[in-house]
């Protein structure tokens, strides 16, 4: 749901990041399928599709659910212009630096605003 510019910026900073639009095998998949692939690749998923992924999170973390490796929400009302990409990249880079251990965000939901403010 975020631009490839953000994924590219994260990679330049040493983060293993991809945008859905960079991989043809992901482009037309349903949200649950995207979360499943993120799970199988042990990736944290970043999205502005809060309504759909909140319910997918709930299903994933309930008893017997498959879990996930973290979901970061960026409010759909939050600006995501070309100028805002740097702010988003810095927030996601900070989150990665605070959680360097693989799986440290397992089954956790995080709001990007809380990364930026430290709350």
C-alpha atoms as a PDB file:
ATOM      1  CA  UNK A   1       0.000   0.000   0.000  1.00  0.00           C
ATOM      2  CA  UNK A   2       3.044   2.270   0.237  1.00  0.00           C
ATOM      3  CA  UNK A   3       5.171   3.482  -2.601  1.00  0.00           C
ATOM      4  CA  UNK A   4       8.194   1.645  -3.825  1.00  0.00           C
ATOM      5  CA  UNK A   5      10.128   4.826  -3.025  1.00  0.00           C
ATOM      6  CA  UNK A   6       9.676   4.015   0.669  1.00  0.00           C
ATOM      7  CA  UNK A   7      10.907   0.433   0.212  1.00  0.00           C
ATOM      8  CA  UNK A   8      13.878   1.690  -1.806  1.00  0.00           C
ATOM      9  CA  UNK A   9      14.717   4.240   0.894  1.00  0.00           C
ATOM     10  CA  UNK A  10      14.599   1.551   3.558  1.00  0.00           C
ATOM     11  CA  UNK A  11      16.867  -0.722   1.527  1.00  0.00           C
ATOM     12  CA  UNK A  12      19.384   2.126   1.163  1.00  0.00           C
ATOM     13  CA  UNK A  13      19.426   2.233   4.964  1.00  0.00           C
ATOM     14  CA  UNK A  14      20.070  -1.499   5.244  1.00  0.00           C
ATOM     15  CA  UNK A  15      16.521  -2.726   5.826  1.00  0.00           C
ATOM     16  CA  UNK A  16      15.209  -5.738   3.926  1.00  0.00           C
ATOM     17  CA  UNK A  17      12.077  -4.099   2.526  1.00  0.00           C
ATOM     18  CA  UNK A  18       9.883  -4.640  -0.517  1.00  0.00           C
ATOM     19  CA  UNK A  19       6.775  -2.934  -1.834  1.00  0.00           C
ATOM     20  CA  UNK A  20       3.914  -5.023  -3.149  1.00  0.00           C
ATOM     21  CA  UNK A  21       4.189  -3.136  -6.443  1.00  0.00           C
ATOM     22  CA  UNK A  22       7.784  -4.344  -6.855  1.00  0.00           C
ATOM     23  CA  UNK A  23       6.764  -7.980  -7.039  1.00  0.00           C
ATOM     24  CA  UNK A  24       4.430  -9.070  -9.791  1.00  0.00           C
ATOM     25  CA  UNK A  25       3.393 -12.147  -7.808  1.00  0.00           C
ATOM     26  CA  UNK A  26       1.875  -9.906  -5.105  1.00  0.00           C
ATOM     27  CA  UNK A  27       0.088  -7.201  -7.070  1.00  0.00           C
ATOM     28  CA  UNK A  28      -3.377  -8.707  -7.487  1.00  0.00           C
ATOM     29  CA  UNK A  29      -3.544 -10.762  -4.289  1.00  0.00           C
ATOM     30  CA  UNK A  30      -6.165 -10.389  -1.569  1.00  0.00           C
ATOM     31  CA  UNK A  31      -5.139  -8.887   1.755  1.00  0.00           C
ATOM     32  CA  UNK A  32      -5.224 -12.259   3.547  1.00  0.00           C
ATOM     33  CA  UNK A  33      -2.901 -13.687   0.897  1.00  0.00           C
ATOM     34  CA  UNK A  34      -0.493 -10.758   1.304  1.00  0.00           C
ATOM     35  CA  UNK A  35      -0.443 -11.327   5.067  1.00  0.00           C
ATOM     36  CA  UNK A  36       0.139 -15.047   4.487  1.00  0.00           C
ATOM     37  CA  UNK A  37       3.126 -14.350   2.242  1.00  0.00           C
ATOM     38  CA  UNK A  38       4.482 -11.809   4.736  1.00  0.00           C
ATOM     39  CA  UNK A  39       4.135 -14.510   7.399  1.00  0.00           C
ATOM     40  CA  UNK A  40       5.883 -17.152   5.287  1.00  0.00           C
ATOM     41  CA  UNK A  41       8.729 -14.703   4.522  1.00  0.00           C
ATOM     42  CA  UNK A  42       8.825 -13.534   8.160  1.00  0.00           C
ATOM     43  CA  UNK A  43       8.210  -9.935   7.151  1.00  0.00           C
ATOM     44  CA  UNK A  44       6.594  -7.097   9.051  1.00  0.00           C
ATOM     45  CA  UNK A  45       3.718  -5.747   6.971  1.00  0.00           C
ATOM     46  CA  UNK A  46       3.215  -1.979   6.640  1.00  0.00           C
ATOM     47  CA  UNK A  47      -0.175  -0.767   5.446  1.00  0.00           C
ATOM     48  CA  UNK A  48      -2.687   2.052   5.494  1.00  0.00           C
ATOM     49  CA  UNK A  49      -5.531  -0.446   5.089  1.00  0.00           C
ATOM     50  CA  UNK A  50      -6.358  -0.430   8.785  1.00  0.00           C
ATOM     51  CA  UNK A  51      -9.914  -1.770   8.580  1.00  0.00           C
ATOM     52  CA  UNK A  52      -9.028  -4.948   6.679  1.00  0.00           C
ATOM     53  CA  UNK A  53      -5.735  -5.722   8.395  1.00  0.00           C
ATOM     54  CA  UNK A  54      -7.079  -5.131  11.918  1.00  0.00           C
ATOM     55  CA  UNK A  55      -9.587  -7.928  11.351  1.00  0.00           C
ATOM     56  CA  UNK A  56      -6.888 -10.121   9.764  1.00  0.00           C
ATOM     57  CA  UNK A  57      -4.695  -9.446  12.802  1.00  0.00           C
ATOM     58  CA  UNK A  58      -7.502 -10.527  15.141  1.00  0.00           C
ATOM     59  CA  UNK A  59      -7.970 -13.780  13.223  1.00  0.00           C
ATOM     60  CA  UNK A  60      -4.215 -14.423  13.085  1.00  0.00           C
ATOM     61  CA  UNK A  61      -3.607 -14.008  16.825  1.00  0.00           C
ATOM     62  CA  UNK A  62      -6.643 -15.816  18.187  1.00  0.00           C
ATOM     63  CA  UNK A  63      -6.063 -19.302  19.611  1.00  0.00           C
ATOM     64  CA  UNK A  64      -5.231 -21.600  16.726  1.00  0.00           C
ATOM     65  CA  UNK A  65      -4.424 -18.668  14.421  1.00  0.00           C
ATOM     66  CA  UNK A  66      -1.282 -18.627  12.330  1.00  0.00           C
ATOM     67  CA  UNK A  67       0.038 -15.384  13.765  1.00  0.00           C
ATOM     68  CA  UNK A  68       2.126 -12.855  11.842  1.00  0.00           C
ATOM     69  CA  UNK A  69       5.468 -11.076  12.136  1.00  0.00           C
ATOM     70  CA  UNK A  70       4.074  -7.645  12.893  1.00  0.00           C
ATOM     71  CA  UNK A  71       1.728  -5.150  11.281  1.00  0.00           C
ATOM     72  CA  UNK A  72       2.513  -1.435  11.158  1.00  0.00           C
ATOM     73  CA  UNK A  73      -0.414   0.852  10.395  1.00  0.00           C
ATOM     74  CA  UNK A  74      -0.078   4.208   8.731  1.00  0.00           C
ATOM     75  CA  UNK A  75      -3.314   6.133   9.037  1.00  0.00           C
ATOM     76  CA  UNK A  76      -5.062   6.630   5.710  1.00  0.00           C
ATOM     77  CA  UNK A  77      -5.469  10.276   6.707  1.00  0.00           C
ATOM     78  CA  UNK A  78      -1.703  10.620   7.189  1.00  0.00           C
ATOM     79  CA  UNK A  79      -0.056  12.378   4.278  1.00  0.00           C
ATOM     80  CA  UNK A  80       2.043  10.166   2.028  1.00  0.00           C
ATOM     81  CA  UNK A  81       3.291  12.641  -0.534  1.00  0.00           C
ATOM     82  CA  UNK A  82       6.761  12.514  -2.052  1.00  0.00           C
ATOM     83  CA  UNK A  83       7.922  14.938   0.646  1.00  0.00           C
ATOM     84  CA  UNK A  84       6.468  12.729   3.415  1.00  0.00           C
ATOM     85  CA  UNK A  85       8.330   9.613   2.247  1.00  0.00           C
ATOM     86  CA  UNK A  86      11.434  10.609   4.202  1.00  0.00           C
ATOM     87  CA  UNK A  87       9.459  10.930   7.442  1.00  0.00           C
ATOM     88  CA  UNK A  88       7.870   7.516   6.930  1.00  0.00           C
ATOM     89  CA  UNK A  89      11.235   5.959   6.056  1.00  0.00           C
ATOM     90  CA  UNK A  90      12.817   7.417   9.199  1.00  0.00           C
ATOM     91  CA  UNK A  91       9.980   6.115  11.384  1.00  0.00           C
ATOM     92  CA  UNK A  92      10.203   2.617   9.901  1.00  0.00           C
ATOM     93  CA  UNK A  93      14.005   2.638  10.123  1.00  0.00           C
ATOM     94  CA  UNK A  94      13.700   3.608  13.801  1.00  0.00           C
ATOM     95  CA  UNK A  95      11.273   0.735  14.393  1.00  0.00           C
ATOM     96  CA  UNK A  96      13.672  -1.701  12.715  1.00  0.00           C
ATOM     97  CA  UNK A  97      16.583  -0.404  14.812  1.00  0.00           C
ATOM     98  CA  UNK A  98      14.545  -0.762  18.009  1.00  0.00           C
ATOM     99  CA  UNK A  99      13.577  -4.327  17.073  1.00  0.00           C
ATOM    100  CA  UNK A 100      16.615  -5.870  15.362  1.00  0.00           C
ATOM    101  CA  UNK A 101      15.938  -9.421  16.486  1.00  0.00           C
ATOM    102  CA  UNK A 102      13.953 -11.496  13.944  1.00  0.00           C
ATOM    103  CA  UNK A 103      10.454 -12.123  15.221  1.00  0.00           C
ATOM    104  CA  UNK A 104      10.568  -9.386  17.859  1.00  0.00           C
ATOM    105  CA  UNK A 105       7.320  -7.888  16.501  1.00  0.00           C
ATOM    106  CA  UNK A 106       5.561 -11.246  16.221  1.00  0.00           C
ATOM    107  CA  UNK A 107       1.780 -10.816  16.536  1.00  0.00           C
ATOM    108  CA  UNK A 108       2.106  -7.113  17.411  1.00  0.00           C
ATOM    109  CA  UNK A 109       0.245  -4.178  15.865  1.00  0.00           C
ATOM    110  CA  UNK A 110       1.981  -0.797  15.825  1.00  0.00           C
ATOM    111  CA  UNK A 111       0.768   2.615  14.706  1.00  0.00           C
ATOM    112  CA  UNK A 112       3.390   4.551  12.747  1.00  0.00           C
ATOM    113  CA  UNK A 113       2.508   7.722  14.639  1.00  0.00           C
ATOM    114  CA  UNK A 114       3.597   6.071  17.876  1.00  0.00           C
ATOM    115  CA  UNK A 115       7.008   5.290  16.336  1.00  0.00           C
ATOM    116  CA  UNK A 116       7.541   8.926  15.468  1.00  0.00           C
ATOM    117  CA  UNK A 117       6.430  10.239  18.859  1.00  0.00           C
ATOM    118  CA  UNK A 118       7.887   7.414  20.953  1.00  0.00           C
ATOM    119  CA  UNK A 119       4.490   6.656  22.571  1.00  0.00           C
END
